[in-house]
Structure formats: C-alpha cells, structure tokens
Amino acid sequence: MWRTRPPKGVEPSSGSLFYALSHDGGQTWSDNRELTDRACPCCRAMATSDSTGRIAVAYRAAGGNLRDPALAISTDHG
C-alpha cells in the first residue's frame, strides 16, 4: 500500500519502508517511523526477530536503476 502515490504512469525508483513497535503484545502501537526512504518499491521486505530482542529487516535498497541487498538490525528491541 502506497502512502504517497507517484503520478499516474510513472514508476518510482524507490519508496519508503515504515515500522511501528508494540511492547504489550499488540494491544497498543507506537507511531509509524520511517526505516528508509530508499526501498525498492516492487520487492518485498522481510522481518524476523529472536528471543533476545534482536530484530532484522531485509530489503532491497533502490537508487536510480540500482538495486542492492540491505539489512537493518536492531539490538535494542526496535
């Protein structure tokens, strides 16, 4: 789902990737925060976490015609 739409017929070279945090099992959520504004708009991001609170988000970074793998890691529970 796009937060801002490009003009009709124009394919954007990058898009933004947002996240929110919940510290009570999903009852309440933080405000939306931008992780990056250079995510490939056609590739899916993947997220995972472990029992120690580390969170990893993998996505393809975009800029112009380039697409590079990117990994954002949080070691402080987000």
N, C-alpha and C. Protein backbone atom coordinates (compact mmCIF):
# COMPACT_ATOMS: atom_id res chain seq x y z
N MET A 1 0.85 -1.17 0.00
CA MET A 1 0.00 0.00 0.00
C MET A 1 0.89 1.23 0.00
N TRP A 2 0.66 2.11 -0.93
CA TRP A 2 1.44 3.33 -1.04
C TRP A 2 0.93 4.39 -0.08
N ARG A 3 1.82 5.09 0.59
CA ARG A 3 1.44 6.23 1.43
C ARG A 3 1.32 7.47 0.58
N THR A 4 2.17 7.59 -0.40
CA THR A 4 2.08 8.67 -1.38
C THR A 4 2.17 8.03 -2.75
N ARG A 5 1.32 8.42 -3.63
CA ARG A 5 1.28 7.83 -4.97
C ARG A 5 2.05 8.69 -5.95
N PRO A 6 2.86 8.03 -6.80
CA PRO A 6 3.51 8.79 -7.88
C PRO A 6 2.48 9.18 -8.92
N PRO A 7 2.81 10.10 -9.80
CA PRO A 7 1.87 10.45 -10.87
C PRO A 7 1.51 9.22 -11.69
N LYS A 8 0.31 9.17 -12.21
CA LYS A 8 -0.16 8.03 -12.99
C LYS A 8 0.78 7.75 -14.16
N GLY A 9 1.15 6.49 -14.32
CA GLY A 9 2.04 6.08 -15.41
C GLY A 9 3.52 6.21 -15.09
N VAL A 10 3.86 6.73 -13.91
CA VAL A 10 5.26 6.88 -13.52
C VAL A 10 5.60 5.84 -12.47
N GLU A 11 6.63 5.04 -12.73
CA GLU A 11 7.07 4.06 -11.75
C GLU A 11 8.20 4.67 -10.92
N PRO A 12 8.03 4.75 -9.59
CA PRO A 12 9.07 5.37 -8.76
C PRO A 12 10.31 4.49 -8.70
N SER A 13 11.48 5.12 -8.52
CA SER A 13 12.72 4.36 -8.42
C SER A 13 12.97 3.87 -7.01
N SER A 14 12.31 4.46 -6.01
CA SER A 14 12.43 3.99 -4.63
C SER A 14 11.18 4.37 -3.85
N GLY A 15 11.02 3.75 -2.70
CA GLY A 15 9.89 4.03 -1.83
C GLY A 15 10.33 4.00 -0.38
N SER A 16 9.43 4.33 0.52
CA SER A 16 9.74 4.33 1.95
C SER A 16 9.28 3.04 2.60
N LEU A 17 9.99 2.65 3.64
CA LEU A 17 9.66 1.46 4.42
C LEU A 17 9.45 1.93 5.86
N PHE A 18 8.27 1.65 6.43
CA PHE A 18 7.91 2.12 7.76
C PHE A 18 7.78 0.95 8.74
N TYR A 19 7.87 1.25 10.03
CA TYR A 19 7.65 0.24 11.07
C TYR A 19 6.97 0.89 12.27
N ALA A 20 6.42 0.07 13.13
CA ALA A 20 5.85 0.50 14.40
C ALA A 20 6.18 -0.56 15.44
N LEU A 21 6.21 -0.18 16.70
CA LEU A 21 6.58 -1.10 17.78
C LEU A 21 5.42 -1.27 18.76
N SER A 22 5.33 -2.47 19.32
CA SER A 22 4.38 -2.75 20.39
C SER A 22 5.15 -3.44 21.51
N HIS A 23 4.99 -2.95 22.73
CA HIS A 23 5.65 -3.55 23.88
C HIS A 23 4.65 -4.26 24.80
N ASP A 24 3.40 -4.41 24.31
CA ASP A 24 2.38 -5.07 25.12
C ASP A 24 1.61 -6.14 24.32
N GLY A 25 2.32 -6.82 23.46
CA GLY A 25 1.70 -7.92 22.72
C GLY A 25 0.73 -7.48 21.64
N GLY A 26 0.84 -6.25 21.17
CA GLY A 26 -0.02 -5.78 20.09
C GLY A 26 -1.27 -5.03 20.54
N GLN A 27 -1.40 -4.78 21.84
CA GLN A 27 -2.57 -4.02 22.32
C GLN A 27 -2.48 -2.56 21.91
N THR A 28 -1.28 -1.98 21.99
CA THR A 28 -1.05 -0.61 21.54
C THR A 28 0.22 -0.59 20.69
N TRP A 29 0.32 0.44 19.84
CA TRP A 29 1.45 0.55 18.91
C TRP A 29 2.03 1.95 18.96
N SER A 30 3.31 2.05 18.67
CA SER A 30 3.98 3.35 18.56
C SER A 30 3.51 4.04 17.29
N ASP A 31 3.94 5.28 17.14
CA ASP A 31 3.70 5.97 15.89
C ASP A 31 4.50 5.26 14.78
N ASN A 32 4.12 5.47 13.54
CA ASN A 32 4.85 4.92 12.41
C ASN A 32 6.16 5.67 12.26
N ARG A 33 7.23 4.91 12.05
CA ARG A 33 8.56 5.50 11.90
C ARG A 33 9.15 5.02 10.59
N GLU A 34 9.85 5.90 9.91
CA GLU A 34 10.44 5.53 8.63
C GLU A 34 11.78 4.83 8.86
N LEU A 35 11.91 3.62 8.33
CA LEU A 35 13.17 2.89 8.40
C LEU A 35 14.11 3.37 7.30
N THR A 36 13.59 3.53 6.09
CA THR A 36 14.38 4.02 4.96
C THR A 36 13.46 4.63 3.92
N ASP A 37 14.03 5.51 3.14
CA ASP A 37 13.27 6.06 2.00
C ASP A 37 13.87 5.57 0.68
N ARG A 38 14.71 4.54 0.77
CA ARG A 38 15.38 4.00 -0.42
C ARG A 38 15.06 2.53 -0.64
N ALA A 39 13.88 2.09 -0.29
CA ALA A 39 13.49 0.69 -0.52
C ALA A 39 12.98 0.52 -1.94
N CYS A 40 13.29 -0.61 -2.55
CA CYS A 40 12.78 -0.93 -3.88
C CYS A 40 11.25 -1.05 -3.78
N PRO A 41 10.51 -0.33 -4.60
CA PRO A 41 9.05 -0.35 -4.48
C PRO A 41 8.39 -1.64 -4.95
N CYS A 42 9.10 -2.49 -5.68
CA CYS A 42 8.47 -3.71 -6.18
C CYS A 42 8.92 -4.96 -5.42
N CYS A 43 9.91 -4.85 -4.55
CA CYS A 43 10.44 -6.01 -3.82
C CYS A 43 9.88 -6.03 -2.40
N ARG A 44 9.61 -7.21 -1.90
CA ARG A 44 9.05 -7.36 -0.56
C ARG A 44 10.15 -7.33 0.50
N ALA A 45 9.87 -6.64 1.58
CA ALA A 45 10.77 -6.65 2.73
C ALA A 45 10.41 -7.84 3.61
N MET A 46 11.38 -8.36 4.34
CA MET A 46 11.16 -9.47 5.27
C MET A 46 11.72 -9.07 6.63
N ALA A 47 11.01 -9.46 7.69
CA ALA A 47 11.45 -9.14 9.05
C ALA A 47 11.44 -10.41 9.89
N THR A 48 12.36 -10.47 10.84
CA THR A 48 12.41 -11.59 11.78
C THR A 48 12.99 -11.09 13.10
N SER A 49 12.78 -11.85 14.16
CA SER A 49 13.34 -11.50 15.47
C SER A 49 13.77 -12.77 16.18
N ASP A 50 14.52 -12.58 17.26
CA ASP A 50 14.91 -13.75 18.06
C ASP A 50 14.54 -13.51 19.52
N SER A 51 14.81 -14.48 20.37
CA SER A 51 14.38 -14.43 21.77
C SER A 51 15.13 -13.38 22.58
N THR A 52 16.25 -12.85 22.07
CA THR A 52 17.00 -11.83 22.81
C THR A 52 16.53 -10.42 22.47
N GLY A 53 15.59 -10.27 21.54
CA GLY A 53 15.08 -8.96 21.18
C GLY A 53 15.70 -8.35 19.95
N ARG A 54 16.62 -9.08 19.31
CA ARG A 54 17.17 -8.56 18.05
C ARG A 54 16.13 -8.65 16.96
N ILE A 55 16.06 -7.61 16.14
CA ILE A 55 15.13 -7.56 15.02
C ILE A 55 15.94 -7.29 13.76
N ALA A 56 15.67 -8.04 12.70
CA ALA A 56 16.35 -7.83 11.43
C ALA A 56 15.31 -7.63 10.33
N VAL A 57 15.56 -6.65 9.48
CA VAL A 57 14.70 -6.38 8.33
C VAL A 57 15.58 -6.39 7.09
N ALA A 58 15.25 -7.28 6.16
CA ALA A 58 15.97 -7.38 4.90
C ALA A 58 15.11 -6.77 3.80
N TYR A 59 15.74 -5.97 2.94
CA TYR A 59 15.02 -5.35 1.83
C TYR A 59 16.02 -5.04 0.73
N ARG A 60 15.52 -4.66 -0.41
CA ARG A 60 16.40 -4.23 -1.49
C ARG A 60 16.42 -2.72 -1.52
N ALA A 61 17.61 -2.16 -1.36
CA ALA A 61 17.77 -0.71 -1.41
C ALA A 61 17.77 -0.27 -2.87
N ALA A 62 17.12 0.84 -3.14
CA ALA A 62 16.97 1.32 -4.52
C ALA A 62 17.50 2.73 -4.64
N GLY A 63 18.06 3.01 -5.78
CA GLY A 63 18.53 4.34 -6.10
C GLY A 63 18.78 4.41 -7.59
N GLY A 64 18.01 5.19 -8.30
CA GLY A 64 18.16 5.22 -9.75
C GLY A 64 17.81 3.86 -10.31
N ASN A 65 18.69 3.27 -11.07
CA ASN A 65 18.46 1.93 -11.64
C ASN A 65 19.17 0.84 -10.86
N LEU A 66 19.73 1.14 -9.70
CA LEU A 66 20.46 0.15 -8.91
C LEU A 66 19.56 -0.47 -7.84
N ARG A 67 19.75 -1.75 -7.59
CA ARG A 67 19.04 -2.47 -6.54
C ARG A 67 20.07 -3.30 -5.78
N ASP A 68 20.30 -2.97 -4.51
CA ASP A 68 21.28 -3.68 -3.70
C ASP A 68 20.63 -4.28 -2.47
N PRO A 69 21.08 -5.47 -2.03
CA PRO A 69 20.56 -6.04 -0.79
C PRO A 69 20.89 -5.13 0.39
N ALA A 70 19.96 -5.01 1.33
CA ALA A 70 20.18 -4.20 2.53
C ALA A 70 19.63 -4.95 3.74
N LEU A 71 20.27 -4.75 4.88
CA LEU A 71 19.85 -5.40 6.11
C LEU A 71 19.92 -4.38 7.25
N ALA A 72 18.80 -4.14 7.91
CA ALA A 72 18.75 -3.27 9.08
C ALA A 72 18.58 -4.16 10.30
N ILE A 73 19.44 -3.98 11.32
CA ILE A 73 19.40 -4.82 12.51
C ILE A 73 19.28 -3.93 13.74
N SER A 74 18.33 -4.25 14.61
CA SER A 74 18.16 -3.56 15.88
C SER A 74 18.53 -4.53 16.98
N THR A 75 19.40 -4.08 17.89
CA THR A 75 19.78 -4.93 19.03
C THR A 75 19.14 -4.45 20.33
N ASP A 76 18.24 -3.43 20.25
CA ASP A 76 17.62 -2.88 21.44
C ASP A 76 16.10 -2.99 21.42
N HIS A 77 15.59 -4.10 20.88
CA HIS A 77 14.16 -4.36 20.81
C HIS A 77 13.42 -3.37 19.90
N GLY A 78 14.11 -2.84 18.93
CA GLY A 78 13.48 -1.95 17.97
C GLY A 78 13.75 -0.51 18.26
